[in-house]
Amino acid sequence: MTNFPDKPWRRRALLVAPDPTIRKVCFETLSSMNFTVLNPAASGASAVTLATREHPDVILLSQQLSDVPASEVVKWFRSNKELASTPIVILGTRTEDDMHADAQTILLPRPVTPARLKQALIDSHSRLRSSDATTVAGVGARSA
């Protein structure tokens, strides 16, 4: 079982994917990495509702949603104070310019495999830790 080194307890993941095959691969991979998968969502609107209520540790977001463009959902997450720095892994086939414009968003092109998803989750964790260290270093520098 693979854990993130600084948080051995179960982390929570929000999975937003209408495709049942993608959901199955993601659910099994997340579970093997000691994540609790919140009720999977199939639409952008349900993702926003669940994320607002549950504050997941990571969000896996299909690029193909039935109700709104995934780029709009990403923008909403980034504009929300509690979710702005939550890592997002975009499960997609192409790059949209504004979908992964920050350090906490990773594009995982299809096909989504357990090995590639695990690596994307590890990368998102590393980016978040690097971002936190930069923020802490910046705060320390200002107070010195």
Protein backbone atom coordinates (compact mmCIF):
# COMPACT_ATOMS: atom_id res chain seq x y z
CA MET A 1 0.00 0.00 0.00
CA THR A 2 1.39 3.38 -0.99
CA ASN A 3 0.91 6.30 1.38
CA PHE A 4 2.02 9.87 1.16
CA PRO A 5 4.90 10.08 3.62
CA ASP A 6 3.65 12.96 5.76
CA LYS A 7 0.04 11.78 6.15
CA PRO A 8 -0.26 8.03 6.81
CA TRP A 9 -3.99 8.17 7.57
CA ARG A 10 -6.63 7.98 4.88
CA ARG A 11 -6.81 10.95 2.58
CA ARG A 12 -10.03 11.88 0.80
CA ALA A 13 -10.38 12.06 -2.96
CA LEU A 14 -13.22 13.46 -5.03
CA LEU A 15 -13.62 11.54 -8.28
CA VAL A 16 -15.55 13.33 -11.03
CA ALA A 17 -15.94 11.11 -14.08
CA PRO A 18 -19.02 10.05 -16.03
CA ASP A 19 -17.22 7.10 -17.68
CA PRO A 20 -17.69 3.93 -15.57
CA THR A 21 -14.41 2.39 -16.79
CA ILE A 22 -12.42 5.47 -15.75
CA ARG A 23 -14.25 5.55 -12.40
CA LYS A 24 -13.37 1.90 -11.75
CA VAL A 25 -9.65 2.35 -12.55
CA CYS A 26 -9.49 5.52 -10.45
CA PHE A 27 -11.43 4.04 -7.53
CA GLU A 28 -9.24 0.93 -7.37
CA THR A 29 -6.02 2.94 -7.67
CA LEU A 30 -7.07 5.48 -5.05
CA SER A 31 -8.13 2.72 -2.66
CA SER A 32 -4.77 0.97 -3.10
CA MET A 33 -3.08 4.25 -2.14
CA ASN A 34 -5.10 4.52 1.08
CA PHE A 35 -7.54 7.17 -0.18
CA THR A 36 -11.18 7.25 0.76
CA VAL A 37 -13.13 8.02 -2.39
CA LEU A 38 -16.02 10.36 -1.73
CA ASN A 39 -19.25 9.58 -3.56
CA PRO A 40 -18.18 9.71 -7.20
CA ALA A 41 -19.69 12.58 -9.17
CA ALA A 42 -20.49 12.56 -12.87
CA SER A 43 -21.14 16.26 -13.42
CA GLY A 44 -19.45 19.55 -12.72
CA ALA A 45 -22.38 20.79 -10.62
CA SER A 46 -22.28 17.73 -8.35
CA ALA A 47 -18.49 18.07 -8.07
CA VAL A 48 -18.80 21.66 -6.88
CA THR A 49 -21.45 20.67 -4.32
CA LEU A 50 -19.45 17.71 -2.96
CA ALA A 51 -16.14 19.59 -2.87
CA THR A 52 -17.71 22.52 -1.02
CA ARG A 53 -19.15 20.19 1.59
CA GLU A 54 -16.33 17.64 1.91
CA HIS A 55 -13.08 19.58 1.20
CA PRO A 56 -11.20 16.66 -0.42
CA ASP A 57 -7.42 16.29 -0.30
CA VAL A 58 -7.28 15.74 -4.09
CA ILE A 59 -9.73 16.03 -6.98
CA LEU A 60 -9.70 13.80 -10.05
CA LEU A 61 -11.70 15.54 -12.76
CA SER A 62 -12.63 14.13 -16.14
CA GLN A 63 -12.17 16.58 -18.96
CA GLN A 64 -15.45 15.38 -20.47
CA LEU A 65 -18.36 16.36 -18.25
CA SER A 66 -22.02 16.32 -19.24
CA ASP A 67 -23.08 19.71 -17.92
CA VAL A 68 -20.23 22.24 -18.01
CA PRO A 69 -16.70 22.42 -19.41
CA ALA A 70 -14.13 21.00 -17.01
CA SER A 71 -12.15 24.23 -17.36
CA GLU A 72 -15.06 26.09 -15.70
CA VAL A 73 -15.08 23.63 -12.79
CA VAL A 74 -11.31 24.12 -12.34
CA LYS A 75 -11.79 27.90 -12.35
CA TRP A 76 -14.48 27.58 -9.69
CA PHE A 77 -12.26 25.38 -7.48
CA ARG A 78 -9.37 27.84 -7.82
CA SER A 79 -11.60 30.80 -6.92
CA ASN A 80 -12.90 29.07 -3.77
CA LYS A 81 -10.81 29.99 -0.72
CA GLU A 82 -10.97 26.51 0.88
CA LEU A 83 -10.24 24.63 -2.36
CA ALA A 84 -7.84 26.99 -4.14
CA SER A 85 -4.73 24.91 -3.43
CA THR A 86 -6.34 21.46 -3.59
CA PRO A 87 -4.43 19.31 -6.11
CA ILE A 88 -6.47 18.53 -9.23
CA VAL A 89 -5.65 15.75 -11.68
CA ILE A 90 -7.39 16.34 -15.01
CA LEU A 91 -8.24 13.06 -16.74
CA GLY A 92 -8.22 14.16 -20.37
CA THR A 93 -7.15 13.82 -23.93
CA ARG A 94 -6.02 17.33 -24.78
CA THR A 95 -4.67 20.43 -23.13
CA GLU A 96 -6.87 23.46 -22.62
CA ASP A 97 -4.76 26.57 -22.03
CA ASP A 98 -6.42 27.66 -18.80
CA MET A 99 -7.11 24.22 -17.26
CA HIS A 100 -3.70 23.62 -15.75
CA ALA A 101 -2.26 27.07 -15.35
CA ASP A 102 -1.16 26.52 -11.75
CA ALA A 103 1.24 24.25 -9.91
CA GLN A 104 -1.50 22.19 -8.25
CA THR A 105 -3.15 21.03 -11.50
CA ILE A 106 -1.83 18.11 -13.51
CA LEU A 107 -3.10 16.86 -16.88
CA LEU A 108 -3.14 13.06 -17.11
CA PRO A 109 -3.76 12.16 -20.77
CA ARG A 110 -5.76 9.05 -21.53
CA PRO A 111 -5.50 6.14 -21.31
CA VAL A 112 -5.68 6.33 -17.53
CA THR A 113 -3.77 3.39 -16.06
CA PRO A 114 -3.13 2.62 -12.39
CA ALA A 115 0.61 3.26 -12.76
CA ARG A 116 0.16 6.61 -14.52
CA LEU A 117 -2.53 7.70 -12.05
CA LYS A 118 -0.34 6.79 -9.07
CA GLN A 119 2.50 8.83 -10.52
CA ALA A 120 0.20 11.81 -11.15
CA LEU A 121 -1.02 11.67 -7.54
CA ILE A 122 2.55 11.50 -6.24
CA ASP A 123 3.49 14.43 -8.52
CA SER A 124 0.51 16.47 -7.28
CA HIS A 125 1.56 15.82 -3.69
CA SER A 126 5.15 16.87 -4.45
CA ARG A 127 3.98 20.06 -6.15
CA LEU A 128 1.76 20.92 -3.21
CA ARG A 129 4.61 20.35 -0.74
CA SER A 130 6.92 22.54 -2.88
CA SER A 131 4.29 25.26 -3.03
CA ASP A 132 3.76 25.10 0.76
CA ALA A 133 7.52 25.30 1.36
CA THR A 134 7.78 28.34 -0.88
CA THR A 135 4.91 30.01 0.94
CA VAL A 136 6.40 29.24 4.35
CA ALA A 137 9.82 30.46 3.22
CA GLY A 138 8.26 33.66 1.88
CA VAL A 139 6.39 34.30 5.12
CA GLY A 140 9.54 33.70 7.15
CA ALA A 141 11.51 36.09 4.97
CA ARG A 142 8.99 38.87 5.47
CA SER A 143 9.01 38.54 9.24
CA ALA A 144 12.81 38.47 9.52
